[in-house]
Amino acid sequence: MATTSTSTSITATTQLQRLYGPKPTPLMINKNSSKISKNQSHKPVSRGGDYKSPVIVYLKSPEVVHVLPHEFMTTVQRLTGKTSASSSHQDL
């Protein structure tokens, strides 16, 4: 039994070498290379309480629109370009 499992593992290893080819040579660092480090002039971004909220830049100044409560939905739909789903809801 030991002989069979050994020959099976050798056969499997040989098949893997044929599938993937020979093992590549290990990578080496050239002696003439120099270490490059990142400039530390800016603070690293922390995930804590130092979060800055985004800056909102308006292309056009916001407009204040005064409407009555029952006209609110119609006004929003008119300003956003959406049409009312059903005019029967406005009458309620």
N, C-alpha and C. Protein backbone atom coordinates (compact mmCIF):
# COMPACT_ATOMS: atom_id res chain seq x y z
N MET A 1 0.81 -1.19 0.00
CA MET A 1 0.00 0.00 0.00
C MET A 1 0.85 1.26 0.00
N ALA A 2 1.93 1.28 0.78
CA ALA A 2 2.78 2.46 0.86
C ALA A 2 3.42 2.73 -0.49
N THR A 3 3.77 1.67 -1.21
CA THR A 3 4.38 1.83 -2.52
C THR A 3 3.40 2.46 -3.50
N THR A 4 2.15 2.07 -3.43
CA THR A 4 1.14 2.60 -4.34
C THR A 4 0.89 4.08 -4.09
N SER A 5 0.76 4.49 -2.82
CA SER A 5 0.51 5.90 -2.52
C SER A 5 1.71 6.76 -2.88
N THR A 6 2.94 6.22 -2.72
CA THR A 6 4.14 6.98 -3.08
C THR A 6 4.21 7.16 -4.59
N SER A 7 3.93 6.11 -5.32
CA SER A 7 3.98 6.22 -6.78
C SER A 7 2.87 7.13 -7.30
N THR A 8 1.72 7.13 -6.62
CA THR A 8 0.62 8.00 -7.01
C THR A 8 0.98 9.46 -6.78
N SER A 9 1.62 9.77 -5.65
CA SER A 9 2.00 11.15 -5.37
C SER A 9 3.10 11.62 -6.30
N ILE A 10 4.01 10.73 -6.67
CA ILE A 10 5.07 11.10 -7.62
C ILE A 10 4.45 11.38 -8.99
N THR A 11 3.49 10.57 -9.40
CA THR A 11 2.82 10.76 -10.68
C THR A 11 2.05 12.08 -10.68
N ALA A 12 1.38 12.38 -9.57
CA ALA A 12 0.62 13.63 -9.47
C ALA A 12 1.55 14.83 -9.54
N THR A 13 2.71 14.74 -8.87
CA THR A 13 3.68 15.83 -8.90
C THR A 13 4.23 16.02 -10.30
N THR A 14 4.52 14.94 -10.98
CA THR A 14 5.03 15.02 -12.35
C THR A 14 3.99 15.65 -13.28
N GLN A 15 2.73 15.28 -13.09
CA GLN A 15 1.67 15.85 -13.92
C GLN A 15 1.53 17.35 -13.68
N LEU A 16 1.64 17.79 -12.42
CA LEU A 16 1.54 19.22 -12.11
C LEU A 16 2.69 19.99 -12.74
N GLN A 17 3.90 19.40 -12.72
CA GLN A 17 5.04 20.08 -13.33
C GLN A 17 4.84 20.21 -14.84
N ARG A 18 4.24 19.23 -15.45
CA ARG A 18 3.98 19.32 -16.88
C ARG A 18 2.91 20.35 -17.19
N LEU A 19 1.91 20.47 -16.31
CA LEU A 19 0.84 21.44 -16.53
C LEU A 19 1.32 22.88 -16.39
N TYR A 20 2.06 23.14 -15.34
CA TYR A 20 2.44 24.52 -15.03
C TYR A 20 3.85 24.88 -15.49
N GLY A 21 4.61 23.93 -15.97
CA GLY A 21 5.95 24.22 -16.43
C GLY A 21 6.95 24.24 -15.29
N PRO A 22 8.21 24.54 -15.59
CA PRO A 22 9.23 24.55 -14.54
C PRO A 22 9.03 25.73 -13.59
N LYS A 23 9.55 25.59 -12.39
CA LYS A 23 9.43 26.63 -11.37
C LYS A 23 10.30 27.83 -11.79
N PRO A 24 9.75 29.06 -11.73
CA PRO A 24 10.54 30.23 -12.13
C PRO A 24 11.63 30.54 -11.11
N THR A 25 12.64 31.26 -11.56
CA THR A 25 13.72 31.64 -10.64
C THR A 25 13.21 32.70 -9.66
N PRO A 26 13.71 32.72 -8.43
CA PRO A 26 13.24 33.70 -7.45
C PRO A 26 13.66 35.12 -7.84
N LEU A 27 12.83 36.09 -7.49
CA LEU A 27 13.13 37.49 -7.80
C LEU A 27 14.21 38.00 -6.85
N MET A 28 15.08 38.85 -7.38
CA MET A 28 16.17 39.40 -6.56
C MET A 28 16.22 40.91 -6.77
N ILE A 29 16.71 41.62 -5.76
CA ILE A 29 16.86 43.07 -5.84
C ILE A 29 18.28 43.37 -6.28
N ASN A 30 18.40 44.24 -7.27
CA ASN A 30 19.70 44.64 -7.77
C ASN A 30 20.43 45.45 -6.71
N LYS A 31 21.73 45.24 -6.57
CA LYS A 31 22.52 45.95 -5.56
C LYS A 31 22.60 47.45 -5.85
N ASN A 32 22.42 47.86 -7.09
CA ASN A 32 22.49 49.28 -7.46
C ASN A 32 21.17 50.01 -7.22
N SER A 33 20.14 49.31 -6.78
CA SER A 33 18.84 49.94 -6.54
C SER A 33 18.91 50.81 -5.29
N SER A 34 18.11 51.86 -5.30
CA SER A 34 18.03 52.72 -4.12
C SER A 34 16.60 52.68 -3.59
N LYS A 35 16.46 52.88 -2.28
CA LYS A 35 15.14 52.83 -1.66
C LYS A 35 14.42 54.14 -1.93
N ILE A 36 13.18 54.05 -2.38
CA ILE A 36 12.35 55.22 -2.64
C ILE A 36 11.31 55.31 -1.54
N SER A 37 11.20 56.49 -0.94
CA SER A 37 10.20 56.65 0.12
C SER A 37 9.22 57.74 -0.28
N LYS A 38 8.02 57.63 0.25
CA LYS A 38 6.96 58.58 -0.05
C LYS A 38 7.18 59.86 0.76
N ASN A 39 6.87 61.01 0.16
CA ASN A 39 7.00 62.29 0.84
C ASN A 39 5.95 62.37 1.94
N GLN A 40 6.33 62.72 3.15
CA GLN A 40 5.43 62.76 4.29
C GLN A 40 4.97 64.18 4.60
N SER A 41 4.85 65.05 3.59
CA SER A 41 4.48 66.44 3.83
C SER A 41 3.02 66.60 4.22
N HIS A 42 2.14 65.70 3.79
CA HIS A 42 0.73 65.82 4.12
C HIS A 42 0.37 64.80 5.21
N LYS A 43 -0.69 65.11 5.96
CA LYS A 43 -1.13 64.23 7.03
C LYS A 43 -1.87 63.04 6.43
N PRO A 44 -1.65 61.86 6.99
CA PRO A 44 -2.43 60.72 6.51
C PRO A 44 -3.88 60.86 6.93
N VAL A 45 -4.78 60.37 6.10
CA VAL A 45 -6.22 60.48 6.36
C VAL A 45 -6.58 59.46 7.43
N SER A 46 -7.15 59.95 8.52
CA SER A 46 -7.58 59.04 9.58
C SER A 46 -9.07 58.77 9.43
N ARG A 47 -9.51 57.65 9.91
CA ARG A 47 -10.91 57.27 9.79
C ARG A 47 -11.69 57.68 11.03
N GLY A 48 -11.10 58.48 11.88
CA GLY A 48 -11.75 58.88 13.11
C GLY A 48 -12.62 60.10 12.94
N GLY A 49 -12.57 61.02 13.92
CA GLY A 49 -13.44 62.19 13.92
C GLY A 49 -12.93 63.34 13.09
N ASP A 50 -11.84 63.18 12.35
CA ASP A 50 -11.29 64.26 11.54
C ASP A 50 -11.92 64.33 10.15
N TYR A 51 -13.09 63.76 9.99
CA TYR A 51 -13.75 63.71 8.69
C TYR A 51 -14.28 65.09 8.33
N LYS A 52 -13.91 65.56 7.14
CA LYS A 52 -14.41 66.84 6.66
C LYS A 52 -15.60 66.58 5.76
N SER A 53 -16.65 67.34 5.96
CA SER A 53 -17.83 67.18 5.12
C SER A 53 -17.55 67.76 3.74
N PRO A 54 -18.22 67.26 2.71
CA PRO A 54 -17.97 67.76 1.36
C PRO A 54 -18.40 69.21 1.20
N VAL A 55 -17.75 69.90 0.29
CA VAL A 55 -18.07 71.30 0.01
C VAL A 55 -19.08 71.32 -1.13
N ILE A 56 -20.17 72.04 -0.94
CA ILE A 56 -21.21 72.14 -1.96
C ILE A 56 -21.01 73.43 -2.73
N VAL A 57 -20.85 73.31 -4.03
CA VAL A 57 -20.68 74.47 -4.90
C VAL A 57 -21.92 74.56 -5.78
N TYR A 58 -22.65 75.64 -5.68
CA TYR A 58 -23.88 75.81 -6.45
C TYR A 58 -23.56 76.46 -7.80
N LEU A 59 -24.12 75.91 -8.86
CA LEU A 59 -23.99 76.52 -10.18
C LEU A 59 -24.91 77.72 -10.29
N LYS A 60 -26.01 77.66 -9.57
CA LYS A 60 -27.00 78.72 -9.56
C LYS A 60 -27.44 78.88 -8.11
N SER A 61 -27.66 80.10 -7.67
CA SER A 61 -28.06 80.32 -6.29
C SER A 61 -29.37 79.61 -5.99
N PRO A 62 -29.47 78.97 -4.81
CA PRO A 62 -30.71 78.29 -4.45
C PRO A 62 -31.86 79.28 -4.34
N GLU A 63 -33.04 78.82 -4.68
CA GLU A 63 -34.23 79.65 -4.68
C GLU A 63 -35.13 79.24 -3.52
N VAL A 64 -35.69 80.19 -2.79
CA VAL A 64 -36.65 79.89 -1.74
C VAL A 64 -38.03 79.98 -2.34
N VAL A 65 -38.80 78.91 -2.20
CA VAL A 65 -40.14 78.86 -2.77
C VAL A 65 -41.12 78.67 -1.62
N HIS A 66 -42.05 79.56 -1.49
CA HIS A 66 -43.08 79.46 -0.45
C HIS A 66 -44.34 78.87 -1.05
N VAL A 67 -44.81 77.76 -0.46
CA VAL A 67 -46.03 77.11 -0.94
C VAL A 67 -46.88 76.68 0.25
N LEU A 68 -48.13 76.49 -0.01
CA LEU A 68 -49.04 75.96 1.00
C LEU A 68 -48.84 74.44 1.09
N PRO A 69 -49.11 73.85 2.27
CA PRO A 69 -48.87 72.41 2.43
C PRO A 69 -49.55 71.54 1.38
N HIS A 70 -50.75 71.87 0.98
CA HIS A 70 -51.44 71.02 0.01
C HIS A 70 -50.89 71.21 -1.42
N GLU A 71 -50.07 72.24 -1.66
CA GLU A 71 -49.46 72.47 -2.97
C GLU A 71 -48.02 71.95 -3.04
N PHE A 72 -47.52 71.43 -1.93
CA PHE A 72 -46.10 71.06 -1.85
C PHE A 72 -45.71 70.01 -2.90
N MET A 73 -46.41 68.89 -2.95
CA MET A 73 -46.06 67.81 -3.87
C MET A 73 -46.11 68.28 -5.32
N THR A 74 -47.12 69.01 -5.68
CA THR A 74 -47.26 69.51 -7.05
C THR A 74 -46.11 70.44 -7.40
N THR A 75 -45.72 71.30 -6.46
CA THR A 75 -44.63 72.24 -6.70
C THR A 75 -43.30 71.51 -6.87
N VAL A 76 -43.04 70.52 -6.02
CA VAL A 76 -41.80 69.74 -6.13
C VAL A 76 -41.76 69.03 -7.47
N GLN A 77 -42.84 68.43 -7.88
CA GLN A 77 -42.87 67.73 -9.16
C GLN A 77 -42.70 68.69 -10.33
N ARG A 78 -43.23 69.87 -10.22
CA ARG A 78 -43.09 70.87 -11.28
C ARG A 78 -41.63 71.33 -11.37
N LEU A 79 -40.98 71.54 -10.21
CA LEU A 79 -39.60 72.03 -10.21
C LEU A 79 -38.60 70.96 -10.62
N THR A 80 -38.89 69.70 -10.32
CA THR A 80 -37.97 68.62 -10.68
C THR A 80 -38.25 68.04 -12.05
N GLY A 81 -39.35 68.47 -12.68
CA GLY A 81 -39.65 68.01 -14.02
C GLY A 81 -40.46 66.74 -14.07
N LYS A 82 -40.90 66.23 -12.91
CA LYS A 82 -41.70 65.02 -12.90
C LYS A 82 -43.17 65.39 -12.97
N THR A 83 -43.92 64.57 -13.69
CA THR A 83 -45.35 64.82 -13.78
C THR A 83 -46.06 64.06 -12.68
N SER A 84 -47.20 64.53 -12.30
CA SER A 84 -48.00 63.90 -11.26
C SER A 84 -48.47 62.54 -11.73
N ALA A 85 -48.45 61.54 -10.84
CA ALA A 85 -48.87 60.19 -11.21
C ALA A 85 -50.36 60.14 -11.48
N SER A 86 -51.11 60.86 -10.68
CA SER A 86 -52.56 60.87 -10.87
C SER A 86 -53.09 62.19 -10.34
N SER A 87 -53.93 62.82 -11.09
CA SER A 87 -54.47 64.10 -10.65
C SER A 87 -55.50 63.93 -9.56
N SER A 88 -56.03 62.70 -9.36
CA SER A 88 -57.04 62.47 -8.33
C SER A 88 -56.43 62.61 -6.93
N HIS A 89 -55.13 62.36 -6.78
CA HIS A 89 -54.47 62.50 -5.47
C HIS A 89 -54.38 63.97 -5.05
N GLN A 90 -54.31 64.85 -6.00
CA GLN A 90 -54.20 66.28 -5.67
C GLN A 90 -55.50 66.82 -5.11
N ASP A 91 -56.61 66.25 -5.51
CA ASP A 91 -57.91 66.74 -5.06
C ASP A 91 -58.20 66.38 -3.61
N LEU A 92 -57.51 65.34 -3.08
CA LEU A 92 -57.75 64.90 -1.71
C LEU A 92 -57.16 65.83 -0.76
